[in-house]
Amino acid sequence: MEHTQTIPGAPPITHGEAAPAIPSFEIIPVKGIPLVALAIIGLIAAIVSEELWALEFAHVVAGGLWTGIDLFVGLIIGPILGRLSPQGRVEFSTRFMPKMVLLMPTLVAVTLVAGWSLANHTGDIAVMYPDHWWLTASFIVVGIMSVIALGFLEPANLAVLFELKKPQPDPELIGRLMKRFVYAAGITGVMQLATLIIMTRIATW
């Protein structure tokens, strides 16, 4: 039988409605670890091979997924979560948030490392000013996004999961942490649009 925990402070039960309950879940989904390892191994292989296609593939795919997921979470998932019932929010969080624990740091790492290696390979990193200002702007935007993703989004994600694991989780705290997570994803998603402008400009040199 699946283990569940009722959430204190949940809305009153009416017409036989069950109290919000927390399904059993893993904070770090073990089945996803081999996929993360595969992505890291692929990145290392691309760097060692110095193949332009492999580096560009890793950078574009990881960066595109990072951008798309951030925009999707911030602009679509966020508003939907706000309209779900307490039980719906709990069930969604226990299925979605653990996957993000592994996914987002992996995408951030692959995007940044592959991008830096690609710039070194093509010589773009050594381009002179004023064109170098485009690279400087990229470093600033990507740096801010990385800080938000790893310093705000990921800790909020983990905090939600650890709170849900407690015998008596605090629903108000979970709500605040979820808002922080969604807002952080939305902000980085919007900033990713600036990165796309910069990258497409660099690609046309």
Protein backbone atom coordinates (compact mmCIF):
# COMPACT_ATOMS: atom_id res chain seq x y z
CA MET A 1 0.00 0.00 0.00
CA GLU A 2 1.40 3.43 -0.94
CA HIS A 3 2.54 5.51 2.01
CA THR A 4 0.84 8.89 2.35
CA GLN A 5 0.99 11.85 4.73
CA THR A 6 -1.83 14.30 5.32
CA ILE A 7 -0.95 17.99 5.15
CA PRO A 8 -1.87 20.02 8.21
CA GLY A 9 -3.79 23.22 7.56
CA ALA A 10 -5.45 21.85 4.43
CA PRO A 11 -8.94 23.13 3.51
CA PRO A 12 -11.86 21.47 5.33
CA ILE A 13 -13.09 18.22 3.83
CA THR A 14 -16.48 18.60 2.17
CA HIS A 15 -18.83 16.12 0.50
CA GLY A 16 -16.52 13.20 1.22
CA GLU A 17 -13.44 14.86 -0.33
CA ALA A 18 -10.18 13.29 0.92
CA ALA A 19 -7.64 15.43 2.73
CA PRO A 20 -4.52 16.33 0.70
CA ALA A 21 -2.01 13.50 0.99
CA ILE A 22 1.63 13.18 0.00
CA PRO A 23 2.51 10.16 -2.17
CA SER A 24 5.79 8.37 -1.58
CA PHE A 25 8.57 9.81 -3.76
CA GLU A 26 12.37 10.06 -4.14
CA ILE A 27 14.05 13.42 -3.66
CA ILE A 28 16.69 12.37 -6.19
CA PRO A 29 15.25 9.96 -8.79
CA VAL A 30 17.82 7.17 -8.96
CA LYS A 31 16.69 6.08 -12.42
CA GLY A 32 17.71 9.47 -13.81
CA ILE A 33 21.32 9.33 -12.60
CA PRO A 34 22.54 7.15 -15.53
CA LEU A 35 21.08 9.71 -17.95
CA VAL A 36 22.97 12.50 -16.21
CA ALA A 37 26.16 10.43 -16.34
CA LEU A 38 25.58 9.79 -20.05
CA ALA A 39 25.19 13.54 -20.71
CA ILE A 40 28.42 14.32 -18.83
CA ILE A 41 30.31 11.56 -20.62
CA GLY A 42 29.03 12.86 -23.95
CA LEU A 43 30.15 16.37 -23.05
CA ILE A 44 33.62 15.18 -22.10
CA ALA A 45 33.87 13.18 -25.33
CA ALA A 46 32.88 16.26 -27.36
CA ILE A 47 35.52 18.40 -25.64
CA VAL A 48 38.27 15.81 -26.03
CA SER A 49 37.44 15.20 -29.69
CA GLU A 50 37.41 18.94 -30.44
CA GLU A 51 34.79 18.22 -33.08
CA LEU A 52 32.96 21.42 -33.93
CA TRP A 53 29.69 19.58 -34.62
CA ALA A 54 29.74 17.72 -31.29
CA LEU A 55 30.44 20.87 -29.28
CA GLU A 56 27.81 22.87 -31.13
CA PHE A 57 25.28 20.06 -30.71
CA ALA A 58 25.85 19.87 -26.95
CA HIS A 59 25.69 23.65 -26.52
CA VAL A 60 22.63 24.23 -28.69
CA VAL A 61 20.60 21.26 -27.42
CA ALA A 62 21.32 21.87 -23.73
CA GLY A 63 20.84 25.63 -24.08
CA GLY A 64 17.61 25.19 -26.01
CA LEU A 65 16.22 22.81 -23.40
CA TRP A 66 17.27 25.16 -20.59
CA THR A 67 15.50 28.06 -22.29
CA GLY A 68 12.37 26.10 -23.17
CA ILE A 69 11.95 24.52 -19.74
CA ASP A 70 12.42 27.83 -17.93
CA LEU A 71 9.84 29.57 -20.11
CA PHE A 72 7.43 26.63 -19.85
CA VAL A 73 7.69 26.48 -16.04
CA GLY A 74 7.50 30.22 -15.50
CA LEU A 75 4.80 31.13 -18.01
CA ILE A 76 2.67 27.98 -18.24
CA ILE A 77 3.23 25.68 -15.26
CA GLY A 78 3.18 28.56 -12.76
CA PRO A 79 -0.32 29.86 -13.58
CA ILE A 80 -1.66 26.29 -13.78
CA LEU A 81 -0.25 25.41 -10.33
CA GLY A 82 -1.97 28.43 -8.83
CA ARG A 83 -5.35 27.09 -9.93
CA LEU A 84 -4.87 23.49 -8.80
CA SER A 85 -6.41 22.08 -5.65
CA PRO A 86 -4.04 21.43 -2.71
CA GLN A 87 -4.05 17.73 -3.55
CA GLY A 88 -3.30 18.49 -7.19
CA ARG A 89 -0.36 20.72 -6.30
CA VAL A 90 1.06 18.07 -4.00
CA GLU A 91 0.77 15.29 -6.57
CA PHE A 92 2.28 17.46 -9.31
CA SER A 93 5.17 18.57 -7.08
CA THR A 94 6.12 15.05 -6.00
CA ARG A 95 6.32 13.94 -9.64
CA PHE A 96 7.78 17.03 -11.28
CA MET A 97 10.20 18.53 -8.74
CA PRO A 98 12.47 15.47 -8.27
CA LYS A 99 13.12 15.35 -12.01
CA MET A 100 14.14 19.00 -11.97
CA VAL A 101 16.73 18.28 -9.26
CA LEU A 102 18.79 16.37 -11.82
CA LEU A 103 17.71 18.02 -15.05
CA MET A 104 18.42 21.71 -14.49
CA PRO A 105 21.99 21.49 -13.06
CA THR A 106 22.89 19.11 -15.88
CA LEU A 107 21.54 21.44 -18.57
CA VAL A 108 23.27 24.45 -17.01
CA ALA A 109 26.61 22.64 -16.77
CA VAL A 110 26.50 21.23 -20.31
CA THR A 111 25.41 24.56 -21.80
CA LEU A 112 28.15 26.59 -20.12
CA VAL A 113 31.02 24.13 -20.57
CA ALA A 114 30.16 23.28 -24.16
CA GLY A 115 29.67 26.98 -24.98
CA TRP A 116 33.05 27.95 -23.56
CA SER A 117 34.78 25.09 -25.38
CA LEU A 118 33.01 26.00 -28.61
CA ALA A 119 34.08 29.65 -28.34
CA ASN A 120 37.69 28.56 -27.79
CA HIS A 121 37.49 26.17 -30.73
CA THR A 122 36.15 28.79 -33.15
CA GLY A 123 38.34 31.61 -31.83
CA ASP A 124 35.34 33.77 -30.94
CA ILE A 125 36.60 34.10 -27.37
CA ALA A 126 39.61 36.09 -28.62
CA VAL A 127 37.71 38.47 -30.92
CA MET A 128 38.66 42.11 -30.47
CA TYR A 129 36.46 44.99 -29.36
CA PRO A 130 33.94 46.37 -30.25
CA ASP A 131 32.64 42.92 -31.29
CA HIS A 132 33.91 41.50 -28.01
CA TRP A 133 31.22 43.52 -26.23
CA TRP A 134 28.71 40.95 -27.48
CA LEU A 135 30.68 38.25 -25.69
CA THR A 136 30.94 40.39 -22.59
CA ALA A 137 27.18 40.87 -22.58
CA SER A 138 26.74 37.11 -23.01
CA PHE A 139 29.02 36.39 -20.04
CA ILE A 140 27.06 38.79 -17.86
CA VAL A 141 23.62 37.46 -18.82
CA VAL A 142 24.64 33.80 -18.59
CA GLY A 143 26.41 34.44 -15.29
CA ILE A 144 23.27 35.96 -13.78
CA MET A 145 21.12 33.13 -15.12
CA SER A 146 23.48 30.54 -13.67
CA VAL A 147 23.40 32.19 -10.25
CA ILE A 148 19.59 32.27 -10.32
CA ALA A 149 19.33 28.66 -11.54
CA LEU A 150 21.84 27.19 -9.08
CA GLY A 151 21.51 29.68 -6.23
CA PHE A 152 17.73 30.19 -6.10
CA LEU A 153 15.87 27.70 -8.31
CA GLU A 154 17.70 24.54 -7.26
CA PRO A 155 17.69 25.29 -3.49
CA ALA A 156 13.96 26.14 -3.65
CA ASN A 157 13.34 22.87 -5.47
CA LEU A 158 15.20 20.84 -2.85
CA ALA A 159 13.58 22.74 0.02
CA VAL A 160 10.10 21.87 -1.30
CA LEU A 161 11.00 18.19 -1.54
CA PHE A 162 12.58 18.03 1.92
CA GLU A 163 9.56 19.82 3.38
CA LEU A 164 7.22 17.34 1.73
CA LYS A 165 9.22 14.51 3.31
CA LYS A 166 8.59 15.80 6.83
CA PRO A 167 5.95 14.05 9.01
CA GLN A 168 4.06 17.36 9.23
CA PRO A 169 4.93 19.54 6.22
CA ASP A 170 4.07 23.23 6.28
CA PRO A 171 1.73 23.97 3.32
CA GLU A 172 2.33 27.74 3.53
CA LEU A 173 6.10 27.26 3.35
CA ILE A 174 5.70 24.88 0.42
CA GLY A 175 3.55 27.47 -1.36
CA ARG A 176 6.17 30.19 -0.87
CA LEU A 177 8.97 27.93 -2.04
CA MET A 178 7.00 26.89 -5.11
CA LYS A 179 6.44 30.55 -5.98
CA ARG A 180 10.17 31.19 -5.65
CA PHE A 181 10.88 28.23 -7.92
CA VAL A 182 8.40 29.33 -10.58
CA TYR A 183 9.50 32.98 -10.49
CA ALA A 184 13.17 32.02 -10.73
CA ALA A 185 12.44 29.80 -13.74
CA GLY A 186 10.41 32.56 -15.39
CA ILE A 187 13.12 35.19 -14.87
CA THR A 188 15.85 32.98 -16.32
CA GLY A 189 13.56 32.08 -19.21
CA VAL A 190 13.05 35.73 -20.12
CA MET A 191 16.80 36.37 -19.79
CA GLN A 192 17.39 33.43 -22.12
CA LEU A 193 15.66 35.45 -24.85
CA ALA A 194 18.39 38.08 -24.48
CA THR A 195 20.98 35.32 -24.77
CA LEU A 196 19.36 34.10 -27.99
CA ILE A 197 19.65 37.59 -29.47
CA ILE A 198 23.32 37.77 -28.50
CA MET A 199 24.13 34.26 -29.74
CA THR A 200 22.44 34.74 -33.11
CA ARG A 201 24.38 37.99 -33.50
CA ILE A 202 27.67 36.22 -32.75
CA ALA A 203 26.78 33.38 -35.12
CA THR A 204 26.54 35.88 -38.03
CA TRP A 205 30.08 37.26 -37.62
